[in-house]
Amino acid sequence: MKHSPSVAIVIPTYNEASTLPQALKRLDGLCADELIFVDGGSTDESRALIQAQGHRCLFSELGRAKQMNTGAQNTESDIILFLHIDTSLSSSDISSIKKSYNQGFLSGRFNIKLSNPAITYCIISFFINLRSRLSRISTGDQGMFVRRDVFDAVGGFPDLPLMEDVAMSKRLKQVGKVACLSGKLTTSSRRWEQHGIVRTVMLMWKIRFLYWLGISPAKLVMMYRHTR
């Protein structure tokens, strides 16, 4: 009989008071063994909202890599799932993660579906999923998950101000099988809606290309913030 692994969900937050009420409702009832929020010093009511629902909320220096590493270090489960606050998943998705564990996968990710149902956003989702499946490189909004022993072995997320998810994906590819689960997680399309589809896509391509050329993430994050 195969082992039924435990799953911890780690969610980094920063000034998400407007999205937390709905997100907390979605998270209720999930069959995760641990649920940990890691706040990066919010100046709004984020921490109060999380704690009011009885959830564990840790504090960390701001930065997704730092926050996710802090959360992981405070979990005990066999698998760690890193989830963005504006990405939703179901208990069946957690079951899929457990199944992949028993199939020998060391890490993995899901497909995504942007929340805006317009055809343009469906096309964007399609190409994000295709690129990820072909490259075995994923981004944070795809629900990245990893076995605890593997997470410790690779040293966690590299402490980068940007592209920490891509850098982590590259590390995980080197150590073993990566599961590209076909289930779709719905993630917010607010980034594209707020800043424009063409502008956002071009910015993301530019940053990825410059990162591939070896430009430091510290310089890229300055470009990212300035462009937005």
Protein backbone atom coordinates (compact mmCIF):
# COMPACT_ATOMS: atom_id res chain seq x y z
CA MET A 1 0.00 0.00 0.00
CA LYS A 2 1.39 3.34 -1.06
CA HIS A 3 2.11 6.08 1.43
CA SER A 4 -0.40 8.95 1.52
CA PRO A 5 1.85 12.00 1.71
CA SER A 6 0.98 15.14 3.66
CA VAL A 7 0.74 18.50 1.91
CA ALA A 8 1.53 21.97 3.25
CA ILE A 9 0.35 25.10 1.43
CA VAL A 10 2.57 28.18 1.76
CA ILE A 11 1.12 31.52 0.64
CA PRO A 12 3.19 34.74 0.55
CA THR A 13 1.19 37.94 1.07
CA TYR A 14 1.78 41.69 0.96
CA ASN A 15 -1.03 44.27 1.09
CA GLU A 16 -3.70 41.86 -0.14
CA ALA A 17 -6.58 43.00 2.08
CA SER A 18 -8.81 43.53 -0.96
CA THR A 19 -8.36 39.97 -2.24
CA LEU A 20 -8.04 38.07 1.04
CA PRO A 21 -11.74 37.74 2.02
CA GLN A 22 -12.58 35.83 -1.15
CA ALA A 23 -9.31 33.92 -1.11
CA LEU A 24 -9.88 32.76 2.46
CA LYS A 25 -13.32 31.45 1.51
CA ARG A 26 -11.77 29.46 -1.35
CA LEU A 27 -9.16 27.97 0.96
CA ASP A 28 -11.69 26.79 3.52
CA GLY A 29 -12.36 23.09 3.23
CA LEU A 30 -9.21 22.16 1.32
CA CYS A 31 -7.74 18.85 2.40
CA ALA A 32 -4.27 20.28 3.05
CA ASP A 33 -2.48 19.19 6.20
CA GLU A 34 -0.95 22.62 6.80
CA LEU A 35 -1.83 26.13 5.61
CA ILE A 36 0.68 28.87 6.33
CA PHE A 37 0.63 32.49 5.26
CA VAL A 38 3.86 34.48 5.26
CA ASP A 39 3.36 38.23 5.30
CA GLY A 40 6.07 40.55 4.04
CA GLY A 41 5.18 43.51 6.25
CA SER A 42 1.78 44.58 4.94
CA THR A 43 0.64 48.09 5.80
CA ASP A 44 -3.04 47.22 5.31
CA GLU A 45 -5.26 44.73 7.17
CA SER A 46 -3.84 41.61 5.55
CA ARG A 47 -2.39 40.02 8.68
CA ALA A 48 -5.45 40.85 10.78
CA LEU A 49 -7.78 39.25 8.20
CA ILE A 50 -5.71 36.07 8.07
CA GLN A 51 -5.42 35.76 11.84
CA ALA A 52 -9.12 36.52 12.34
CA GLN A 53 -9.88 33.31 10.41
CA GLY A 54 -7.60 31.35 12.71
CA HIS A 55 -4.86 30.78 10.17
CA ARG A 56 -1.17 30.77 10.92
CA CYS A 57 0.52 33.93 9.67
CA LEU A 58 4.29 34.29 9.89
CA PHE A 59 6.31 37.44 9.30
CA SER A 60 9.21 37.70 6.88
CA GLU A 61 11.28 40.32 5.18
CA LEU A 62 9.50 41.36 1.98
CA GLY A 63 10.34 39.30 -1.09
CA ARG A 64 8.59 36.21 -2.45
CA ALA A 65 11.70 34.03 -2.24
CA LYS A 66 12.34 35.04 1.38
CA GLN A 67 8.68 34.62 2.31
CA MET A 68 8.29 31.22 0.68
CA ASN A 69 11.51 29.92 2.21
CA THR A 70 10.37 31.12 5.64
CA GLY A 71 7.06 29.32 5.19
CA ALA A 72 8.71 26.11 4.02
CA GLN A 73 11.06 26.09 7.00
CA ASN A 74 8.04 26.17 9.31
CA THR A 75 6.20 23.20 7.80
CA GLU A 76 6.49 19.48 8.48
CA SER A 77 4.64 17.95 5.53
CA ASP A 78 6.04 15.63 2.86
CA ILE A 79 5.14 18.04 0.05
CA ILE A 80 5.20 21.84 -0.02
CA LEU A 81 2.85 23.68 -2.38
CA PHE A 82 3.60 27.36 -3.02
CA LEU A 83 0.43 29.23 -3.91
CA HIS A 84 -0.20 32.84 -4.91
CA ILE A 85 -3.07 34.49 -3.06
CA ASP A 86 -4.91 35.21 -6.33
CA THR A 87 -4.64 31.62 -7.60
CA SER A 88 -7.29 29.09 -6.63
CA LEU A 89 -7.18 25.31 -6.39
CA SER A 90 -9.44 22.50 -5.20
CA SER A 91 -9.09 19.44 -3.01
CA SER A 92 -8.93 17.32 -6.17
CA ASP A 93 -5.84 19.29 -7.19
CA ILE A 94 -4.21 18.38 -3.88
CA SER A 95 -5.09 14.75 -4.54
CA SER A 96 -3.34 15.05 -7.91
CA ILE A 97 -0.22 16.30 -6.15
CA LYS A 98 -0.27 13.31 -3.81
CA LYS A 99 -0.70 10.95 -6.76
CA SER A 100 2.31 12.47 -8.53
CA TYR A 101 4.36 11.93 -5.35
CA ASN A 102 3.55 8.24 -5.38
CA GLN A 103 4.39 8.07 -9.09
CA GLY A 104 7.93 9.19 -8.34
CA PHE A 105 7.77 12.84 -9.35
CA LEU A 106 9.97 15.10 -7.22
CA SER A 107 8.27 18.37 -8.07
CA GLY A 108 5.64 19.79 -10.39
CA ARG A 109 3.16 22.43 -11.42
CA PHE A 110 -0.34 22.88 -12.87
CA ASN A 111 -1.70 24.49 -15.99
CA ILE A 112 -3.34 27.85 -15.45
CA LYS A 113 -6.49 29.57 -16.64
CA LEU A 114 -6.69 33.35 -16.42
CA SER A 115 -9.81 34.58 -14.65
CA ASN A 116 -10.95 36.78 -17.54
CA PRO A 117 -12.94 34.51 -19.92
CA ALA A 118 -12.25 36.61 -23.05
CA ILE A 119 -10.60 34.72 -25.91
CA THR A 120 -7.41 36.79 -25.71
CA TYR A 121 -6.80 35.64 -22.14
CA CYS A 122 -7.52 32.03 -23.14
CA ILE A 123 -4.80 32.33 -25.80
CA ILE A 124 -2.35 33.76 -23.27
CA SER A 125 -3.09 30.86 -20.90
CA PHE A 126 -2.61 28.33 -23.71
CA PHE A 127 0.85 29.59 -24.60
CA ILE A 128 1.94 29.88 -20.96
CA ASN A 129 0.94 26.24 -20.42
CA LEU A 130 2.56 25.07 -23.66
CA ARG A 131 5.84 26.85 -22.94
CA SER A 132 5.92 25.41 -19.44
CA ARG A 133 5.16 21.86 -20.59
CA LEU A 134 7.88 21.94 -23.24
CA SER A 135 10.53 23.60 -21.06
CA ARG A 136 9.59 22.12 -17.66
CA ILE A 137 9.99 25.69 -16.37
CA SER A 138 7.09 27.11 -14.36
CA THR A 139 6.10 30.36 -12.71
CA GLY A 140 4.67 30.98 -9.27
CA ASP A 141 1.06 31.31 -10.34
CA GLN A 142 1.13 27.72 -11.64
CA GLY A 143 1.07 26.26 -8.13
CA MET A 144 4.64 24.99 -7.88
CA PHE A 145 5.06 22.03 -5.52
CA VAL A 146 8.07 20.04 -4.38
CA ARG A 147 8.94 17.18 -2.05
CA ARG A 148 10.33 18.45 1.24
CA ASP A 149 13.57 16.46 0.97
CA VAL A 150 14.14 17.81 -2.53
CA PHE A 151 13.38 21.39 -1.44
CA ASP A 152 16.00 21.06 1.30
CA ALA A 153 18.50 19.41 -1.04
CA VAL A 154 18.40 22.26 -3.59
CA GLY A 155 18.55 24.92 -0.89
CA GLY A 156 15.08 26.37 -1.37
CA PHE A 157 14.27 29.33 -3.57
CA PRO A 158 17.31 31.38 -4.54
CA ASP A 159 17.19 34.76 -2.80
CA LEU A 160 16.39 36.83 -5.89
CA PRO A 161 14.16 39.91 -6.15
CA LEU A 162 12.67 38.58 -9.40
CA MET A 163 12.66 35.34 -11.42
CA GLU A 164 13.05 33.23 -8.28
CA ASP A 165 10.42 30.82 -9.62
CA VAL A 166 12.25 30.33 -12.92
CA ALA A 167 15.57 29.84 -11.12
CA MET A 168 13.95 27.31 -8.79
CA SER A 169 12.43 25.45 -11.73
CA LYS A 170 15.87 25.11 -13.29
CA ARG A 171 17.23 23.66 -10.06
CA LEU A 172 14.39 21.16 -9.83
CA LYS A 173 14.82 20.01 -13.44
CA GLN A 174 18.35 18.96 -12.61
CA VAL A 175 17.43 16.65 -9.74
CA GLY A 176 14.57 14.55 -11.12
CA LYS A 177 11.14 14.14 -12.68
CA VAL A 178 8.91 17.23 -12.91
CA ALA A 179 5.14 16.64 -13.09
CA CYS A 180 3.22 18.84 -15.53
CA LEU A 181 -0.28 18.27 -14.20
CA SER A 182 -3.12 18.91 -16.64
CA GLY A 183 -5.47 20.35 -14.01
CA LYS A 184 -6.04 24.08 -14.42
CA LEU A 185 -5.69 26.56 -11.58
CA THR A 186 -7.59 29.80 -12.07
CA THR A 187 -5.36 32.79 -11.51
CA SER A 188 -6.19 36.48 -11.60
CA SER A 189 -5.83 38.32 -14.89
CA ARG A 190 -5.54 41.68 -13.07
CA ARG A 191 -1.93 42.19 -14.17
CA TRP A 192 -2.92 42.14 -17.85
CA GLU A 193 -6.11 44.13 -17.25
CA GLN A 194 -4.38 46.89 -15.30
CA HIS A 195 -1.32 47.34 -17.49
CA GLY A 196 -2.57 46.25 -20.91
CA ILE A 197 -2.22 42.89 -22.63
CA VAL A 198 0.40 43.81 -25.24
CA ARG A 199 2.47 45.86 -22.82
CA THR A 200 2.43 43.14 -20.17
CA VAL A 201 3.29 40.31 -22.58
CA MET A 202 6.13 42.30 -24.15
CA LEU A 203 7.52 43.21 -20.73
CA MET A 204 7.47 39.58 -19.59
CA TRP A 205 9.19 38.39 -22.77
CA LYS A 206 11.81 41.13 -22.46
CA ILE A 207 12.60 40.30 -18.85
CA ARG A 208 12.84 36.57 -19.57
CA PHE A 209 15.14 37.18 -22.52
CA LEU A 210 17.42 39.50 -20.54
CA TYR A 211 17.50 36.98 -17.69
CA TRP A 212 18.51 34.30 -20.20
CA LEU A 213 21.32 36.61 -21.37
CA GLY A 214 22.58 36.81 -17.81
CA ILE A 215 21.32 40.23 -16.70
CA SER A 216 21.11 40.26 -12.90
CA PRO A 217 17.64 39.99 -11.30
CA ALA A 218 18.45 43.13 -9.27
CA LYS A 219 18.62 45.13 -12.51
CA LEU A 220 15.61 43.36 -13.95
CA VAL A 221 13.40 44.16 -10.97
CA MET A 222 14.25 47.85 -11.32
CA MET A 223 13.25 47.69 -14.99
CA TYR A 224 10.05 45.80 -14.07
CA ARG A 225 9.00 48.38 -11.50
CA HIS A 226 9.90 51.35 -13.67
CA THR A 227 8.07 50.00 -16.73
CA ARG A 228 4.92 49.31 -14.70
